[in-house]
Amino acid sequence: MAAFENIIFAEVVGTIFYSFFGLFLMLACWWLIELLTPFSLRKELEEDQNMAIAIVMGAMFLALAIIIAAVIRT
């Protein structure tokens, strides 16, 4: 029980809030990218299994996650 004494409720709530906020931002970025591209990313990834687009999108979301985490942290 001594391990739980140092946990502050506001920090837990803040962590949960920022986790969902980061997920929302990633979803908003996906929606924006889907809107701006002239083709359907979902079709390219699921039906055509375009590996090049999958790698680019994965790298882009990894970069976005790093940027969002840095912004939330400061």
PDB file of N, CA and C in Angstrom:
ATOM      1  N   MET A   1       0.799  -1.182   0.000  1.00  0.00           N
ATOM      2  CA  MET A   1       0.000   0.000   0.000  1.00  0.00           C
ATOM      3  C   MET A   1       0.853   1.262   0.000  1.00  0.00           C
ATOM      4  N   ALA A   2       2.094   1.159   0.434  1.00  0.00           N
ATOM      5  CA  ALA A   2       2.967   2.330   0.511  1.00  0.00           C
ATOM      6  C   ALA A   2       3.288   2.870  -0.881  1.00  0.00           C
ATOM      7  N   ALA A   3       3.232   2.017  -1.883  1.00  0.00           N
ATOM      8  CA  ALA A   3       3.549   2.457  -3.242  1.00  0.00           C
ATOM      9  C   ALA A   3       2.479   3.390  -3.797  1.00  0.00           C
ATOM     10  N   PHE A   4       1.250   3.256  -3.329  1.00  0.00           N
ATOM     11  CA  PHE A   4       0.150   4.064  -3.840  1.00  0.00           C
ATOM     12  C   PHE A   4      -0.005   5.401  -3.111  1.00  0.00           C
ATOM     13  N   GLU A   5       0.750   5.623  -2.059  1.00  0.00           N
ATOM     14  CA  GLU A   5       0.624   6.857  -1.300  1.00  0.00           C
ATOM     15  C   GLU A   5       1.141   8.069  -2.069  1.00  0.00           C
ATOM     16  N   ASN A   6       2.093   7.866  -2.963  1.00  0.00           N
ATOM     17  CA  ASN A   6       2.703   8.977  -3.690  1.00  0.00           C
ATOM     18  C   ASN A   6       1.949   9.347  -4.958  1.00  0.00           C
ATOM     19  N   ILE A   7       0.917   8.593  -5.306  1.00  0.00           N
ATOM     20  CA  ILE A   7       0.151   8.867  -6.520  1.00  0.00           C
ATOM     21  C   ILE A   7      -0.853   9.969  -6.229  1.00  0.00           C
ATOM     22  N   ILE A   8      -0.808  10.991  -7.069  1.00  0.00           N
ATOM     23  CA  ILE A   8      -1.724  12.119  -6.919  1.00  0.00           C
ATOM     24  C   ILE A   8      -2.846  11.941  -7.938  1.00  0.00           C
ATOM     25  N   PHE A   9      -4.087  12.083  -7.485  1.00  0.00           N
ATOM     26  CA  PHE A   9      -5.263  11.862  -8.330  1.00  0.00           C
ATOM     27  C   PHE A   9      -5.250  12.779  -9.547  1.00  0.00           C
ATOM     28  N   ALA A  10      -4.839  14.028  -9.397  1.00  0.00           N
ATOM     29  CA  ALA A  10      -4.815  14.985 -10.513  1.00  0.00           C
ATOM     30  C   ALA A  10      -3.851  14.530 -11.607  1.00  0.00           C
ATOM     31  N   GLU A  11      -2.756  13.913 -11.225  1.00  0.00           N
ATOM     32  CA  GLU A  11      -1.802  13.420 -12.220  1.00  0.00           C
ATOM     33  C   GLU A  11      -2.389  12.258 -13.013  1.00  0.00           C
ATOM     34  N   VAL A  12      -3.123  11.391 -12.360  1.00  0.00           N
ATOM     35  CA  VAL A  12      -3.753  10.255 -13.039  1.00  0.00           C
ATOM     36  C   VAL A  12      -4.806  10.762 -14.024  1.00  0.00           C
ATOM     37  N   VAL A  13      -5.629  11.705 -13.575  1.00  0.00           N
ATOM     38  CA  VAL A  13      -6.660  12.272 -14.448  1.00  0.00           C
ATOM     39  C   VAL A  13      -6.008  13.003 -15.616  1.00  0.00           C
ATOM     40  N   GLY A  14      -4.942  13.739 -15.358  1.00  0.00           N
ATOM     41  CA  GLY A  14      -4.221  14.444 -16.416  1.00  0.00           C
ATOM     42  C   GLY A  14      -3.628  13.485 -17.438  1.00  0.00           C
ATOM     43  N   THR A  15      -3.080  12.389 -16.964  1.00  0.00           N
ATOM     44  CA  THR A  15      -2.504  11.394 -17.863  1.00  0.00           C
ATOM     45  C   THR A  15      -3.573  10.781 -18.765  1.00  0.00           C
ATOM     46  N   ILE A  16      -4.713  10.450 -18.179  1.00  0.00           N
ATOM     47  CA  ILE A  16      -5.811   9.876 -18.964  1.00  0.00           C
ATOM     48  C   ILE A  16      -6.324  10.889 -19.975  1.00  0.00           C
ATOM     49  N   PHE A  17      -6.491  12.143 -19.538  1.00  0.00           N
ATOM     50  CA  PHE A  17      -6.969  13.188 -20.444  1.00  0.00           C
ATOM     51  C   PHE A  17      -6.010  13.385 -21.614  1.00  0.00           C
ATOM     52  N   TYR A  18      -4.725  13.512 -21.326  1.00  0.00           N
ATOM     53  CA  TYR A  18      -3.764  13.745 -22.396  1.00  0.00           C
ATOM     54  C   TYR A  18      -3.601  12.533 -23.307  1.00  0.00           C
ATOM     55  N   SER A  19      -3.820  11.342 -22.782  1.00  0.00           N
ATOM     56  CA  SER A  19      -3.782  10.150 -23.635  1.00  0.00           C
ATOM     57  C   SER A  19      -4.905  10.196 -24.666  1.00  0.00           C
ATOM     58  N   PHE A  20      -6.118  10.502 -24.195  1.00  0.00           N
ATOM     59  CA  PHE A  20      -7.242  10.588 -25.122  1.00  0.00           C
ATOM     60  C   PHE A  20      -7.111  11.793 -26.055  1.00  0.00           C
ATOM     61  N   PHE A  21      -6.549  12.882 -25.558  1.00  0.00           N
ATOM     62  CA  PHE A  21      -6.327  14.059 -26.395  1.00  0.00           C
ATOM     63  C   PHE A  21      -5.336  13.742 -27.511  1.00  0.00           C
ATOM     64  N   GLY A  22      -4.269  13.020 -27.193  1.00  0.00           N
ATOM     65  CA  GLY A  22      -3.299  12.615 -28.204  1.00  0.00           C
ATOM     66  C   GLY A  22      -3.916  11.685 -29.238  1.00  0.00           C
ATOM     67  N   LEU A  23      -4.751  10.747 -28.773  1.00  0.00           N
ATOM     68  CA  LEU A  23      -5.435   9.849 -29.704  1.00  0.00           C
ATOM     69  C   LEU A  23      -6.389  10.622 -30.615  1.00  0.00           C
ATOM     70  N   PHE A  24      -7.082  11.609 -30.046  1.00  0.00           N
ATOM     71  CA  PHE A  24      -7.975  12.443 -30.847  1.00  0.00           C
ATOM     72  C   PHE A  24      -7.193  13.204 -31.917  1.00  0.00           C
ATOM     73  N   LEU A  25      -6.039  13.754 -31.549  1.00  0.00           N
ATOM     74  CA  LEU A  25      -5.227  14.481 -32.524  1.00  0.00           C
ATOM     75  C   LEU A  25      -4.725  13.554 -33.636  1.00  0.00           C
ATOM     76  N   MET A  26      -4.354  12.338 -33.283  1.00  0.00           N
ATOM     77  CA  MET A  26      -3.904  11.391 -34.303  1.00  0.00           C
ATOM     78  C   MET A  26      -5.061  11.028 -35.239  1.00  0.00           C
ATOM     79  N   LEU A  27      -6.258  10.850 -34.698  1.00  0.00           N
ATOM     80  CA  LEU A  27      -7.425  10.557 -35.523  1.00  0.00           C
ATOM     81  C   LEU A  27      -7.768  11.739 -36.426  1.00  0.00           C
ATOM     82  N   ALA A  28      -7.652  12.950 -35.895  1.00  0.00           N
ATOM     83  CA  ALA A  28      -7.912  14.146 -36.694  1.00  0.00           C
ATOM     84  C   ALA A  28      -6.888  14.264 -37.833  1.00  0.00           C
ATOM     85  N   CYS A  29      -5.642  13.909 -37.556  1.00  0.00           N
ATOM     86  CA  CYS A  29      -4.621  13.941 -38.614  1.00  0.00           C
ATOM     87  C   CYS A  29      -4.933  12.907 -39.693  1.00  0.00           C
ATOM     88  N   TRP A  30      -5.362  11.715 -39.292  1.00  0.00           N
ATOM     89  CA  TRP A  30      -5.731  10.694 -40.272  1.00  0.00           C
ATOM     90  C   TRP A  30      -6.873  11.194 -41.161  1.00  0.00           C
ATOM     91  N   TRP A  31      -7.871  11.801 -40.527  1.00  0.00           N
ATOM     92  CA  TRP A  31      -9.016  12.317 -41.278  1.00  0.00           C
ATOM     93  C   TRP A  31      -8.574  13.412 -42.247  1.00  0.00           C
ATOM     94  N   LEU A  32      -7.701  14.308 -41.808  1.00  0.00           N
ATOM     95  CA  LEU A  32      -7.214  15.390 -42.656  1.00  0.00           C
ATOM     96  C   LEU A  32      -6.391  14.853 -43.824  1.00  0.00           C
ATOM     97  N   ILE A  33      -5.544  13.884 -43.570  1.00  0.00           N
ATOM     98  CA  ILE A  33      -4.734  13.293 -44.637  1.00  0.00           C
ATOM     99  C   ILE A  33      -5.628  12.574 -45.634  1.00  0.00           C
ATOM    100  N   GLU A  34      -6.616  11.858 -45.131  1.00  0.00           N
ATOM    101  CA  GLU A  34      -7.566  11.161 -46.001  1.00  0.00           C
ATOM    102  C   GLU A  34      -8.318  12.154 -46.883  1.00  0.00           C
ATOM    103  N   LEU A  35      -8.638  13.306 -46.313  1.00  0.00           N
ATOM    104  CA  LEU A  35      -9.359  14.337 -47.058  1.00  0.00           C
ATOM    105  C   LEU A  35      -8.478  14.985 -48.143  1.00  0.00           C
ATOM    106  N   LEU A  36      -7.206  15.185 -47.856  1.00  0.00           N
ATOM    107  CA  LEU A  36      -6.311  15.908 -48.762  1.00  0.00           C
ATOM    108  C   LEU A  36      -5.743  15.047 -49.886  1.00  0.00           C
ATOM    109  N   THR A  37      -5.703  13.747 -49.705  1.00  0.00           N
ATOM    110  CA  THR A  37      -5.144  12.899 -50.753  1.00  0.00           C
ATOM    111  C   THR A  37      -6.183  12.676 -51.854  1.00  0.00           C
ATOM    112  N   PRO A  38      -5.734  12.616 -53.111  1.00  0.00           N
ATOM    113  CA  PRO A  38      -6.681  12.442 -54.221  1.00  0.00           C
ATOM    114  C   PRO A  38      -7.224  11.015 -54.348  1.00  0.00           C
ATOM    115  N   PHE A  39      -6.702  10.090 -53.569  1.00  0.00           N
ATOM    116  CA  PHE A  39      -7.164   8.702 -53.622  1.00  0.00           C
ATOM    117  C   PHE A  39      -7.523   8.251 -52.212  1.00  0.00           C
ATOM    118  N   SER A  40      -8.206   7.134 -52.109  1.00  0.00           N
ATOM    119  CA  SER A  40      -8.608   6.607 -50.807  1.00  0.00           C
ATOM    120  C   SER A  40      -7.451   5.831 -50.181  1.00  0.00           C
ATOM    121  N   LEU A  41      -6.975   6.315 -49.053  1.00  0.00           N
ATOM    122  CA  LEU A  41      -5.896   5.615 -48.358  1.00  0.00           C
ATOM    123  C   LEU A  41      -6.375   4.265 -47.848  1.00  0.00           C
ATOM    124  N   ARG A  42      -7.596   4.223 -47.384  1.00  0.00           N
ATOM    125  CA  ARG A  42      -8.143   2.969 -46.864  1.00  0.00           C
ATOM    126  C   ARG A  42      -8.157   1.885 -47.948  1.00  0.00           C
ATOM    127  N   LYS A  43      -8.579   2.263 -49.168  1.00  0.00           N
ATOM    128  CA  LYS A  43      -8.604   1.306 -50.276  1.00  0.00           C
ATOM    129  C   LYS A  43      -7.191   0.878 -50.638  1.00  0.00           C
ATOM    130  N   GLU A  44      -6.279   1.840 -50.683  1.00  0.00           N
ATOM    131  CA  GLU A  44      -4.889   1.518 -51.027  1.00  0.00           C
ATOM    132  C   GLU A  44      -4.256   0.579 -50.003  1.00  0.00           C
ATOM    133  N   LEU A  45      -4.553   0.788 -48.739  1.00  0.00           N
ATOM    134  CA  LEU A  45      -3.939  -0.019 -47.694  1.00  0.00           C
ATOM    135  C   LEU A  45      -4.606  -1.381 -47.543  1.00  0.00           C
ATOM    136  N   GLU A  46      -5.932  -1.415 -47.572  1.00  0.00           N
ATOM    137  CA  GLU A  46      -6.639  -2.669 -47.314  1.00  0.00           C
ATOM    138  C   GLU A  46      -6.776  -3.550 -48.543  1.00  0.00           C
ATOM    139  N   GLU A  47      -7.277  -2.984 -49.629  1.00  0.00           N
ATOM    140  CA  GLU A  47      -7.568  -3.810 -50.809  1.00  0.00           C
ATOM    141  C   GLU A  47      -6.331  -4.022 -51.677  1.00  0.00           C
ATOM    142  N   ASP A  48      -5.632  -2.929 -51.992  1.00  0.00           N
ATOM    143  CA  ASP A  48      -4.478  -3.044 -52.885  1.00  0.00           C
ATOM    144  C   ASP A  48      -3.204  -3.445 -52.155  1.00  0.00           C
ATOM    145  N   GLN A  49      -3.194  -3.360 -50.834  1.00  0.00           N
ATOM    146  CA  GLN A  49      -2.044  -3.698 -49.992  1.00  0.00           C
ATOM    147  C   GLN A  49      -0.775  -2.997 -50.478  1.00  0.00           C
ATOM    148  N   ASN A  50      -0.886  -1.690 -50.656  1.00  0.00           N
ATOM    149  CA  ASN A  50       0.227  -0.870 -51.118  1.00  0.00           C
ATOM    150  C   ASN A  50       1.209  -0.670 -49.966  1.00  0.00           C
ATOM    151  N   MET A  51       2.335  -1.384 -50.019  1.00  0.00           N
ATOM    152  CA  MET A  51       3.313  -1.372 -48.940  1.00  0.00           C
ATOM    153  C   MET A  51       4.020  -0.026 -48.826  1.00  0.00           C
ATOM    154  N   ALA A  52       4.225   0.656 -49.940  1.00  0.00           N
ATOM    155  CA  ALA A  52       4.906   1.953 -49.914  1.00  0.00           C
ATOM    156  C   ALA A  52       4.082   2.983 -49.138  1.00  0.00           C
ATOM    157  N   ILE A  53       2.785   3.021 -49.386  1.00  0.00           N
ATOM    158  CA  ILE A  53       1.923   3.960 -48.659  1.00  0.00           C
ATOM    159  C   ILE A  53       1.851   3.569 -47.186  1.00  0.00           C
ATOM    160  N   ALA A  54       1.850   2.293 -46.889  1.00  0.00           N
ATOM    161  CA  ALA A  54       1.809   1.845 -45.498  1.00  0.00           C
ATOM    162  C   ALA A  54       3.056   2.302 -44.746  1.00  0.00           C
ATOM    163  N   ILE A  55       4.214   2.205 -45.373  1.00  0.00           N
ATOM    164  CA  ILE A  55       5.458   2.624 -44.729  1.00  0.00           C
ATOM    165  C   ILE A  55       5.478   4.134 -44.525  1.00  0.00           C
ATOM    166  N   VAL A  56       5.062   4.883 -45.547  1.00  0.00           N
ATOM    167  CA  VAL A  56       5.041   6.341 -45.439  1.00  0.00           C
ATOM    168  C   VAL A  56       4.052   6.786 -44.362  1.00  0.00           C
ATOM    169  N   MET A  57       2.863   6.198 -44.343  1.00  0.00           N
ATOM    170  CA  MET A  57       1.869   6.567 -43.333  1.00  0.00           C
ATOM    171  C   MET A  57       2.343   6.187 -41.927  1.00  0.00           C
ATOM    172  N   GLY A  58       2.969   5.035 -41.792  1.00  0.00           N
ATOM    173  CA  GLY A  58       3.499   4.634 -40.489  1.00  0.00           C
ATOM    174  C   GLY A  58       4.570   5.587 -39.991  1.00  0.00           C
ATOM    175  N   ALA A  59       5.475   5.974 -40.881  1.00  0.00           N
ATOM    176  CA  ALA A  59       6.525   6.922 -40.501  1.00  0.00           C
ATOM    177  C   ALA A  59       5.932   8.285 -40.158  1.00  0.00           C
ATOM    178  N   MET A  60       4.926   8.694 -40.913  1.00  0.00           N
ATOM    179  CA  MET A  60       4.308   9.990 -40.668  1.00  0.00           C
ATOM    180  C   MET A  60       3.583   9.985 -39.323  1.00  0.00           C
ATOM    181  N   PHE A  61       2.870   8.922 -38.988  1.00  0.00           N
ATOM    182  CA  PHE A  61       2.178   8.866 -37.707  1.00  0.00           C
ATOM    183  C   PHE A  61       3.150   8.730 -36.542  1.00  0.00           C
ATOM    184  N   LEU A  62       4.275   8.085 -36.760  1.00  0.00           N
ATOM    185  CA  LEU A  62       5.293   8.026 -35.719  1.00  0.00           C
ATOM    186  C   LEU A  62       5.851   9.418 -35.452  1.00  0.00           C
ATOM    187  N   ALA A  63       6.107  10.172 -36.512  1.00  0.00           N
ATOM    188  CA  ALA A  63       6.588  11.544 -36.361  1.00  0.00           C
ATOM    189  C   ALA A  63       5.531  12.417 -35.687  1.00  0.00           C
ATOM    190  N   LEU A  64       4.268  12.265 -36.076  1.00  0.00           N
ATOM    191  CA  LEU A  64       3.189  13.026 -35.438  1.00  0.00           C
ATOM    192  C   LEU A  64       3.072  12.682 -33.955  1.00  0.00           C
ATOM    193  N   ALA A  65       3.234  11.421 -33.617  1.00  0.00           N
ATOM    194  CA  ALA A  65       3.140  11.009 -32.219  1.00  0.00           C
ATOM    195  C   ALA A  65       4.260  11.650 -31.401  1.00  0.00           C
ATOM    196  N   ILE A  66       5.452  11.711 -31.961  1.00  0.00           N
ATOM    197  CA  ILE A  66       6.572  12.340 -31.262  1.00  0.00           C
ATOM    198  C   ILE A  66       6.307  13.827 -31.073  1.00  0.00           C
ATOM    199  N   ILE A  67       5.805  14.489 -32.093  1.00  0.00           N
ATOM    200  CA  ILE A  67       5.518  15.918 -32.007  1.00  0.00           C
ATOM    201  C   ILE A  67       4.407  16.182 -30.984  1.00  0.00           C
ATOM    202  N   ILE A  68       3.323  15.404 -31.028  1.00  0.00           N
ATOM    203  CA  ILE A  68       2.215  15.583 -30.093  1.00  0.00           C
ATOM    204  C   ILE A  68       2.686  15.329 -28.663  1.00  0.00           C
ATOM    205  N   ALA A  69       3.508  14.299 -28.459  1.00  0.00           N
ATOM    206  CA  ALA A  69       4.011  14.014 -27.116  1.00  0.00           C
ATOM    207  C   ALA A  69       4.892  15.152 -26.610  1.00  0.00           C
ATOM    208  N   ALA A  70       5.699  15.734 -27.492  1.00  0.00           N
ATOM    209  CA  ALA A  70       6.555  16.844 -27.067  1.00  0.00           C
ATOM    210  C   ALA A  70       5.730  18.074 -26.718  1.00  0.00           C
ATOM    211  N   VAL A  71       4.677  18.327 -27.477  1.00  0.00           N
ATOM    212  CA  VAL A  71       3.822  19.482 -27.192  1.00  0.00           C
ATOM    213  C   VAL A  71       3.057  19.285 -25.896  1.00  0.00           C
ATOM    214  N   ILE A  72       2.543  18.094 -25.662  1.00  0.00           N
ATOM    215  CA  ILE A  72       1.792  17.826 -24.439  1.00  0.00           C
ATOM    216  C   ILE A  72       2.712  17.874 -23.225  1.00  0.00           C
ATOM    217  N   ARG A  73       3.935  17.429 -23.377  1.00  0.00           N
ATOM    218  CA  ARG A  73       4.866  17.366 -22.259  1.00  0.00           C
ATOM    219  C   ARG A  73       5.291  18.734 -21.754  1.00  0.00           C
ATOM    220  N   THR A  74       5.363  19.712 -22.660  1.00  0.00           N
ATOM    221  CA  THR A  74       5.826  21.048 -22.234  1.00  0.00           C
ATOM    222  C   THR A  74       4.708  21.881 -21.698  1.00  0.00           C
TER     223      THR A  74
END
